[in-house]
Amino acid sequence: SIGLHLLAVVAWLGGIIVMALLAPQLTGREDLAVL
């Protein structure tokens, strides 16, 4: 359960932070909705 929890937190939390850091690169892309 700890292993699953770590993987879920890493994928979700880390993904949110990476998306936030990539915000200027993502803005204006035509495939933004798809990504």
PDB file of all heavy atoms in Angstrom:
ATOM      1  N   SER A   1       0.837  -1.206   0.000  1.00  0.00           N
ATOM      2  CA  SER A   1       0.000   0.000   0.000  1.00  0.00           C
ATOM      3  C   SER A   1       0.873   1.258   0.000  1.00  0.00           C
ATOM      4  O   SER A   1       0.554   2.245  -0.671  1.00  0.00           O
ATOM      5  CB  SER A   1      -0.938   0.000   1.209  1.00  0.00           C
ATOM      6  OG  SER A   1      -0.221   0.010   2.423  1.00  0.00           O
ATOM      7  N   ILE A   2       1.989   1.230   0.733  1.00  0.00           N
ATOM      8  CA  ILE A   2       2.898   2.378   0.713  1.00  0.00           C
ATOM      9  C   ILE A   2       3.498   2.564  -0.679  1.00  0.00           C
ATOM     10  O   ILE A   2       3.601   3.684  -1.193  1.00  0.00           O
ATOM     11  CB  ILE A   2       4.014   2.194   1.766  1.00  0.00           C
ATOM     12  CG1 ILE A   2       3.441   2.281   3.174  1.00  0.00           C
ATOM     13  CG2 ILE A   2       5.106   3.250   1.588  1.00  0.00           C
ATOM     14  CD1 ILE A   2       4.426   1.922   4.266  1.00  0.00           C
ATOM     15  N   GLY A   3       3.904   1.451  -1.306  1.00  0.00           N
ATOM     16  CA  GLY A   3       4.461   1.547  -2.652  1.00  0.00           C
ATOM     17  C   GLY A   3       3.470   2.126  -3.648  1.00  0.00           C
ATOM     18  O   GLY A   3       3.815   2.997  -4.455  1.00  0.00           O
ATOM     19  N   LEU A   4       2.227   1.650  -3.591  1.00  0.00           N
ATOM     20  CA  LEU A   4       1.191   2.190  -4.476  1.00  0.00           C
ATOM     21  C   LEU A   4       0.945   3.670  -4.182  1.00  0.00           C
ATOM     22  O   LEU A   4       0.763   4.478  -5.099  1.00  0.00           O
ATOM     23  CB  LEU A   4      -0.097   1.400  -4.305  1.00  0.00           C
ATOM     24  CG  LEU A   4      -0.117  -0.018  -4.872  1.00  0.00           C
ATOM     25  CD1 LEU A   4      -1.366  -0.760  -4.405  1.00  0.00           C
ATOM     26  CD2 LEU A   4      -0.055   0.000  -6.391  1.00  0.00           C
ATOM     27  N   HIS A   5       0.928   4.016  -2.896  1.00  0.00           N
ATOM     28  CA  HIS A   5       0.679   5.406  -2.508  1.00  0.00           C
ATOM     29  C   HIS A   5       1.787   6.315  -3.025  1.00  0.00           C
ATOM     30  O   HIS A   5       1.518   7.410  -3.555  1.00  0.00           O
ATOM     31  CB  HIS A   5       0.585   5.490  -0.983  1.00  0.00           C
ATOM     32  CG  HIS A   5      -0.108   6.712  -0.487  1.00  0.00           C
ATOM     33  ND1 HIS A   5      -1.473   6.902  -0.608  1.00  0.00           N
ATOM     34  CD2 HIS A   5       0.359   7.837   0.123  1.00  0.00           C
ATOM     35  CE1 HIS A   5      -1.813   8.064  -0.091  1.00  0.00           C
ATOM     36  NE2 HIS A   5      -0.714   8.651   0.359  1.00  0.00           N
ATOM     37  N   LEU A   6       3.022   5.875  -2.880  1.00  0.00           N
ATOM     38  CA  LEU A   6       4.149   6.669  -3.373  1.00  0.00           C
ATOM     39  C   LEU A   6       4.073   6.876  -4.879  1.00  0.00           C
ATOM     40  O   LEU A   6       4.267   7.988  -5.382  1.00  0.00           O
ATOM     41  CB  LEU A   6       5.460   5.975  -3.010  1.00  0.00           C
ATOM     42  CG  LEU A   6       5.899   6.047  -1.547  1.00  0.00           C
ATOM     43  CD1 LEU A   6       7.104   5.149  -1.313  1.00  0.00           C
ATOM     44  CD2 LEU A   6       6.225   7.476  -1.143  1.00  0.00           C
ATOM     45  N   LEU A   7       3.778   5.805  -5.608  1.00  0.00           N
ATOM     46  CA  LEU A   7       3.691   5.913  -7.062  1.00  0.00           C
ATOM     47  C   LEU A   7       2.576   6.866  -7.481  1.00  0.00           C
ATOM     48  O   LEU A   7       2.755   7.688  -8.395  1.00  0.00           O
ATOM     49  CB  LEU A   7       3.465   4.528  -7.667  1.00  0.00           C
ATOM     50  CG  LEU A   7       3.331   4.464  -9.189  1.00  0.00           C
ATOM     51  CD1 LEU A   7       4.582   5.004  -9.860  1.00  0.00           C
ATOM     52  CD2 LEU A   7       3.050   3.039  -9.644  1.00  0.00           C
ATOM     53  N   ALA A   8       1.417   6.770  -6.816  1.00  0.00           N
ATOM     54  CA  ALA A   8       0.301   7.648  -7.161  1.00  0.00           C
ATOM     55  C   ALA A   8       0.623   9.102  -6.855  1.00  0.00           C
ATOM     56  O   ALA A   8       0.349  10.003  -7.659  1.00  0.00           O
ATOM     57  CB  ALA A   8      -0.952   7.200  -6.397  1.00  0.00           C
ATOM     58  N   VAL A   9       1.224   9.351  -5.696  1.00  0.00           N
ATOM     59  CA  VAL A   9       1.569  10.724  -5.324  1.00  0.00           C
ATOM     60  C   VAL A   9       2.609  11.292  -6.279  1.00  0.00           C
ATOM     61  O   VAL A   9       2.516  12.444  -6.718  1.00  0.00           O
ATOM     62  CB  VAL A   9       2.075  10.765  -3.871  1.00  0.00           C
ATOM     63  CG1 VAL A   9       2.674  12.133  -3.551  1.00  0.00           C
ATOM     64  CG2 VAL A   9       0.945  10.455  -2.905  1.00  0.00           C
ATOM     65  N   VAL A  10       3.607  10.472  -6.616  1.00  0.00           N
ATOM     66  CA  VAL A  10       4.652  10.936  -7.521  1.00  0.00           C
ATOM     67  C   VAL A  10       4.064  11.304  -8.884  1.00  0.00           C
ATOM     68  O   VAL A  10       4.367  12.359  -9.453  1.00  0.00           O
ATOM     69  CB  VAL A  10       5.741   9.856  -7.661  1.00  0.00           C
ATOM     70  CG1 VAL A  10       6.603  10.104  -8.891  1.00  0.00           C
ATOM     71  CG2 VAL A  10       6.604   9.823  -6.413  1.00  0.00           C
ATOM     72  N   ALA A  11       3.210  10.428  -9.423  1.00  0.00           N
ATOM     73  CA  ALA A  11       2.637  10.679 -10.746  1.00  0.00           C
ATOM     74  C   ALA A  11       1.718  11.897 -10.741  1.00  0.00           C
ATOM     75  O   ALA A  11       1.738  12.701 -11.692  1.00  0.00           O
ATOM     76  CB  ALA A  11       1.883   9.442 -11.227  1.00  0.00           C
ATOM     77  N   TRP A  12       0.925  12.048  -9.685  1.00  0.00           N
ATOM     78  CA  TRP A  12      -0.050  13.135  -9.643  1.00  0.00           C
ATOM     79  C   TRP A  12       0.603  14.444  -9.209  1.00  0.00           C
ATOM     80  O   TRP A  12       0.570  15.448  -9.939  1.00  0.00           O
ATOM     81  CB  TRP A  12      -1.179  12.755  -8.687  1.00  0.00           C
ATOM     82  CG  TRP A  12      -2.348  13.688  -8.708  1.00  0.00           C
ATOM     83  CD1 TRP A  12      -2.577  14.719  -9.583  1.00  0.00           C
ATOM     84  CD2 TRP A  12      -3.454  13.675  -7.812  1.00  0.00           C
ATOM     85  NE1 TRP A  12      -3.755  15.348  -9.289  1.00  0.00           N
ATOM     86  CE2 TRP A  12      -4.323  14.730  -8.215  1.00  0.00           C
ATOM     87  CE3 TRP A  12      -3.817  12.890  -6.728  1.00  0.00           C
ATOM     88  CZ2 TRP A  12      -5.508  15.002  -7.535  1.00  0.00           C
ATOM     89  CZ3 TRP A  12      -5.000  13.163  -6.058  1.00  0.00           C
ATOM     90  CH2 TRP A  12      -5.836  14.202  -6.464  1.00  0.00           C
ATOM     91  N   LEU A  13       1.227  14.442  -8.022  1.00  0.00           N
ATOM     92  CA  LEU A  13       1.834  15.668  -7.522  1.00  0.00           C
ATOM     93  C   LEU A  13       2.955  16.138  -8.435  1.00  0.00           C
ATOM     94  O   LEU A  13       3.003  17.299  -8.852  1.00  0.00           O
ATOM     95  CB  LEU A  13       2.371  15.443  -6.113  1.00  0.00           C
ATOM     96  CG  LEU A  13       3.356  16.491  -5.596  1.00  0.00           C
ATOM     97  CD1 LEU A  13       2.670  17.839  -5.463  1.00  0.00           C
ATOM     98  CD2 LEU A  13       3.956  16.067  -4.270  1.00  0.00           C
ATOM     99  N   GLY A  14       3.882  15.225  -8.742  1.00  0.00           N
ATOM    100  CA  GLY A  14       4.979  15.615  -9.616  1.00  0.00           C
ATOM    101  C   GLY A  14       4.491  16.083 -10.966  1.00  0.00           C
ATOM    102  O   GLY A  14       5.021  17.047 -11.535  1.00  0.00           O
ATOM    103  N   GLY A  15       3.451  15.415 -11.492  1.00  0.00           N
ATOM    104  CA  GLY A  15       2.899  15.834 -12.778  1.00  0.00           C
ATOM    105  C   GLY A  15       2.323  17.226 -12.737  1.00  0.00           C
ATOM    106  O   GLY A  15       2.496  18.023 -13.675  1.00  0.00           O
ATOM    107  N   ILE A  16       1.637  17.572 -11.648  1.00  0.00           N
ATOM    108  CA  ILE A  16       1.062  18.908 -11.517  1.00  0.00           C
ATOM    109  C   ILE A  16       2.165  19.968 -11.493  1.00  0.00           C
ATOM    110  O   ILE A  16       2.076  21.010 -12.159  1.00  0.00           O
ATOM    111  CB  ILE A  16       0.202  18.988 -10.239  1.00  0.00           C
ATOM    112  CG1 ILE A  16      -1.074  18.154 -10.414  1.00  0.00           C
ATOM    113  CG2 ILE A  16      -0.153  20.435  -9.909  1.00  0.00           C
ATOM    114  CD1 ILE A  16      -1.894  18.042  -9.161  1.00  0.00           C
ATOM    115  N   ILE A  17       3.222  19.697 -10.726  1.00  0.00           N
ATOM    116  CA  ILE A  17       4.312  20.673 -10.634  1.00  0.00           C
ATOM    117  C   ILE A  17       5.015  20.818 -11.981  1.00  0.00           C
ATOM    118  O   ILE A  17       5.347  21.936 -12.408  1.00  0.00           O
ATOM    119  CB  ILE A  17       5.303  20.253  -9.535  1.00  0.00           C
ATOM    120  CG1 ILE A  17       4.613  20.300  -8.171  1.00  0.00           C
ATOM    121  CG2 ILE A  17       6.535  21.150  -9.538  1.00  0.00           C
ATOM    122  CD1 ILE A  17       5.484  19.841  -7.028  1.00  0.00           C
ATOM    123  N   VAL A  18       5.245  19.704 -12.665  1.00  0.00           N
ATOM    124  CA  VAL A  18       5.894  19.776 -13.978  1.00  0.00           C
ATOM    125  C   VAL A  18       5.012  20.541 -14.956  1.00  0.00           C
ATOM    126  O   VAL A  18       5.498  21.375 -15.737  1.00  0.00           O
ATOM    127  CB  VAL A  18       6.216  18.365 -14.501  1.00  0.00           C
ATOM    128  CG1 VAL A  18       6.739  18.432 -15.935  1.00  0.00           C
ATOM    129  CG2 VAL A  18       7.243  17.693 -13.613  1.00  0.00           C
ATOM    130  N   MET A  19       3.696  20.282 -14.936  1.00  0.00           N
ATOM    131  CA  MET A  19       2.790  21.032 -15.806  1.00  0.00           C
ATOM    132  C   MET A  19       2.836  22.522 -15.484  1.00  0.00           C
ATOM    133  O   MET A  19       2.783  23.369 -16.387  1.00  0.00           O
ATOM    134  CB  MET A  19       1.364  20.500 -15.645  1.00  0.00           C
ATOM    135  CG  MET A  19       1.154  19.070 -16.132  1.00  0.00           C
ATOM    136  SD  MET A  19       1.097  18.902 -17.923  1.00  0.00           S
ATOM    137  CE  MET A  19      -0.547  19.537 -18.260  1.00  0.00           C
ATOM    138  N   ALA A  20       2.940  22.853 -14.194  1.00  0.00           N
ATOM    139  CA  ALA A  20       3.023  24.265 -13.816  1.00  0.00           C
ATOM    140  C   ALA A  20       4.321  24.891 -14.315  1.00  0.00           C
ATOM    141  O   ALA A  20       4.331  26.019 -14.816  1.00  0.00           O
ATOM    142  CB  ALA A  20       2.910  24.393 -12.299  1.00  0.00           C
ATOM    143  N   LEU A  21       5.429  24.158 -14.181  1.00  0.00           N
ATOM    144  CA  LEU A  21       6.711  24.680 -14.657  1.00  0.00           C
ATOM    145  C   LEU A  21       6.737  24.812 -16.175  1.00  0.00           C
ATOM    146  O   LEU A  21       7.457  25.655 -16.720  1.00  0.00           O
ATOM    147  CB  LEU A  21       7.849  23.766 -14.189  1.00  0.00           C
ATOM    148  CG  LEU A  21       8.074  23.695 -12.678  1.00  0.00           C
ATOM    149  CD1 LEU A  21       9.156  22.676 -12.353  1.00  0.00           C
ATOM    150  CD2 LEU A  21       8.452  25.063 -12.119  1.00  0.00           C
ATOM    151  N   LEU A  22       5.952  23.980 -16.864  1.00  0.00           N
ATOM    152  CA  LEU A  22       5.903  24.019 -18.326  1.00  0.00           C
ATOM    153  C   LEU A  22       4.799  24.931 -18.853  1.00  0.00           C
ATOM    154  O   LEU A  22       4.547  24.949 -20.063  1.00  0.00           O
ATOM    155  CB  LEU A  22       5.685  22.610 -18.877  1.00  0.00           C
ATOM    156  CG  LEU A  22       6.828  21.614 -18.710  1.00  0.00           C
ATOM    157  CD1 LEU A  22       6.386  20.222 -19.142  1.00  0.00           C
ATOM    158  CD2 LEU A  22       8.042  22.051 -19.518  1.00  0.00           C
ATOM    159  N   ALA A  23       4.153  25.660 -17.967  1.00  0.00           N
ATOM    160  CA  ALA A  23       3.001  26.460 -18.379  1.00  0.00           C
ATOM    161  C   ALA A  23       3.296  27.393 -19.551  1.00  0.00           C
ATOM    162  O   ALA A  23       2.516  27.454 -20.518  1.00  0.00           O
ATOM    163  CB  ALA A  23       2.473  27.252 -17.182  1.00  0.00           C
ATOM    164  N   PRO A  24       4.407  28.152 -19.557  1.00  0.00           N
ATOM    165  CA  PRO A  24       4.661  29.027 -20.716  1.00  0.00           C
ATOM    166  C   PRO A  24       4.826  28.255 -22.013  1.00  0.00           C
ATOM    167  O   PRO A  24       4.434  28.744 -23.084  1.00  0.00           O
ATOM    168  CB  PRO A  24       5.965  29.746 -20.327  1.00  0.00           C
ATOM    169  CG  PRO A  24       6.007  29.693 -18.847  1.00  0.00           C
ATOM    170  CD  PRO A  24       5.401  28.373 -18.490  1.00  0.00           C
ATOM    171  N   GLN A  25       5.425  27.060 -21.956  1.00  0.00           N
ATOM    172  CA  GLN A  25       5.594  26.260 -23.174  1.00  0.00           C
ATOM    173  C   GLN A  25       4.275  25.641 -23.635  1.00  0.00           C
ATOM    174  O   GLN A  25       4.044  25.455 -24.830  1.00  0.00           O
ATOM    175  CB  GLN A  25       6.625  25.151 -22.945  1.00  0.00           C
ATOM    176  CG  GLN A  25       8.071  25.625 -22.917  1.00  0.00           C
ATOM    177  CD  GLN A  25       8.416  26.355 -21.626  1.00  0.00           C
ATOM    178  OE1 GLN A  25       7.862  26.058 -20.575  1.00  0.00           O
ATOM    179  NE2 GLN A  25       9.327  27.297 -21.717  1.00  0.00           N
ATOM    180  N   LEU A  26       3.404  25.331 -22.684  1.00  0.00           N
ATOM    181  CA  LEU A  26       2.122  24.722 -23.039  1.00  0.00           C
ATOM    182  C   LEU A  26       1.130  25.744 -23.581  1.00  0.00           C
ATOM    183  O   LEU A  26       0.309  25.431 -24.447  1.00  0.00           O
ATOM    184  CB  LEU A  26       1.525  24.026 -21.810  1.00  0.00           C
ATOM    185  CG  LEU A  26       2.189  22.715 -21.389  1.00  0.00           C
ATOM    186  CD1 LEU A  26       1.706  22.296 -20.006  1.00  0.00           C
ATOM    187  CD2 LEU A  26       1.885  21.618 -22.400  1.00  0.00           C
ATOM    188  N   THR A  27       1.198  26.957 -23.074  1.00  0.00           N
ATOM    189  CA  THR A  27       0.268  27.984 -23.515  1.00  0.00           C
ATOM    190  C   THR A  27       0.480  28.289 -24.998  1.00  0.00           C
ATOM    191  O   THR A  27       1.586  28.496 -25.454  1.00  0.00           O
ATOM    192  CB  THR A  27       0.480  29.267 -22.694  1.00  0.00           C
ATOM    193  OG1 THR A  27       0.303  28.969 -21.315  1.00  0.00           O
ATOM    194  CG2 THR A  27      -0.522  30.335 -23.102  1.00  0.00           C
ATOM    195  N   GLY A  28      -0.599  28.315 -25.742  1.00  0.00           N
ATOM    196  CA  GLY A  28      -0.521  28.614 -27.162  1.00  0.00           C
ATOM    197  C   GLY A  28      -0.406  27.397 -28.050  1.00  0.00           C
ATOM    198  O   GLY A  28      -0.535  27.515 -29.268  1.00  0.00           O
ATOM    199  N   ARG A  29      -0.156  26.221 -27.486  1.00  0.00           N
ATOM    200  CA  ARG A  29      -0.084  25.010 -28.311  1.00  0.00           C
ATOM    201  C   ARG A  29      -1.486  24.598 -28.752  1.00  0.00           C
ATOM    202  O   ARG A  29      -2.436  24.624 -27.966  1.00  0.00           O
ATOM    203  CB  ARG A  29       0.565  23.866 -27.532  1.00  0.00           C
ATOM    204  CG  ARG A  29       2.058  24.021 -27.293  1.00  0.00           C
ATOM    205  CD  ARG A  29       2.605  22.815 -26.550  1.00  0.00           C
ATOM    206  NE  ARG A  29       2.510  21.604 -27.336  1.00  0.00           N
ATOM    207  CZ  ARG A  29       3.547  20.991 -27.892  1.00  0.00           C
ATOM    208  NH1 ARG A  29       4.756  21.513 -27.781  1.00  0.00           N
ATOM    209  NH2 ARG A  29       3.385  19.875 -28.572  1.00  0.00           N
ATOM    210  N   GLU A  30      -1.592  24.194 -29.994  1.00  0.00           N
ATOM    211  CA  GLU A  30      -2.885  23.752 -30.499  1.00  0.00           C
ATOM    212  C   GLU A  30      -3.307  22.418 -29.894  1.00  0.00           C
ATOM    213  O   GLU A  30      -4.494  22.095 -29.876  1.00  0.00           O
ATOM    214  CB  GLU A  30      -2.836  23.629 -32.033  1.00  0.00           C
ATOM    215  CG  GLU A  30      -2.650  24.967 -32.736  1.00  0.00           C
ATOM    216  CD  GLU A  30      -2.701  24.824 -34.240  1.00  0.00           C
ATOM    217  OE1 GLU A  30      -2.945  23.689 -34.709  1.00  0.00           O
ATOM    218  OE2 GLU A  30      -2.494  25.820 -34.938  1.00  0.00           O
ATOM    219  N   ASP A  31      -2.340  21.644 -29.412  1.00  0.00           N
ATOM    220  CA  ASP A  31      -2.670  20.346 -28.834  1.00  0.00           C
ATOM    221  C   ASP A  31      -2.743  20.413 -27.315  1.00  0.00           C
ATOM    222  O   ASP A  31      -2.625  19.384 -26.642  1.00  0.00           O
ATOM    223  CB  ASP A  31      -1.646  19.294 -29.255  1.00  0.00           C
ATOM    224  CG  ASP A  31      -0.224  19.669 -28.870  1.00  0.00           C
ATOM    225  OD1 ASP A  31      -0.007  20.822 -28.438  1.00  0.00           O
ATOM    226  OD2 ASP A  31       0.673  18.825 -29.011  1.00  0.00           O
ATOM    227  N   LEU A  32      -2.929  21.607 -26.745  1.00  0.00           N
ATOM    228  CA  LEU A  32      -2.975  21.753 -25.294  1.00  0.00           C
ATOM    229  C   LEU A  32      -4.081  20.891 -24.688  1.00  0.00           C
ATOM    230  O   LEU A  32      -3.867  20.188 -23.690  1.00  0.00           O
ATOM    231  CB  LEU A  32      -3.182  23.220 -24.915  1.00  0.00           C
ATOM    232  CG  LEU A  32      -3.401  23.500 -23.425  1.00  0.00           C
ATOM    233  CD1 LEU A  32      -2.179  23.088 -22.616  1.00  0.00           C
ATOM    234  CD2 LEU A  32      -3.724  24.976 -23.186  1.00  0.00           C
ATOM    235  N   ALA A  33      -5.274  20.926 -25.275  1.00  0.00           N
ATOM    236  CA  ALA A  33      -6.390  20.163 -24.730  1.00  0.00           C
ATOM    237  C   ALA A  33      -6.099  18.666 -24.755  1.00  0.00           C
ATOM    238  O   ALA A  33      -6.454  17.932 -23.819  1.00  0.00           O
ATOM    239  CB  ALA A  33      -7.669  20.469 -25.505  1.00  0.00           C
ATOM    240  N   VAL A  34      -5.447  18.206 -25.821  1.00  0.00           N
ATOM    241  CA  VAL A  34      -5.120  16.779 -25.921  1.00  0.00           C
ATOM    242  C   VAL A  34      -4.134  16.381 -24.834  1.00  0.00           C
ATOM    243  O   VAL A  34      -4.301  15.367 -24.150  1.00  0.00           O
ATOM    244  CB  VAL A  34      -4.540  16.461 -27.314  1.00  0.00           C
ATOM    245  CG1 VAL A  34      -4.070  15.017 -27.380  1.00  0.00           C
ATOM    246  CG2 VAL A  34      -5.577  16.730 -28.393  1.00  0.00           C
ATOM    247  N   LEU A  35      -3.090  17.198 -24.649  1.00  0.00           N
ATOM    248  CA  LEU A  35      -2.070  16.883 -23.645  1.00  0.00           C
ATOM    249  C   LEU A  35      -2.652  16.939 -22.236  1.00  0.00           C
ATOM    250  O   LEU A  35      -2.369  16.070 -21.399  1.00  0.00           O
ATOM    251  CB  LEU A  35      -0.896  17.848 -23.769  1.00  0.00           C
ATOM    252  CG  LEU A  35      -0.167  17.856 -25.120  1.00  0.00           C
ATOM    253  CD1 LEU A  35       0.996  18.833 -25.087  1.00  0.00           C
ATOM    254  CD2 LEU A  35       0.315  16.464 -25.487  1.00  0.00           C
TER     255      LEU A  35
END
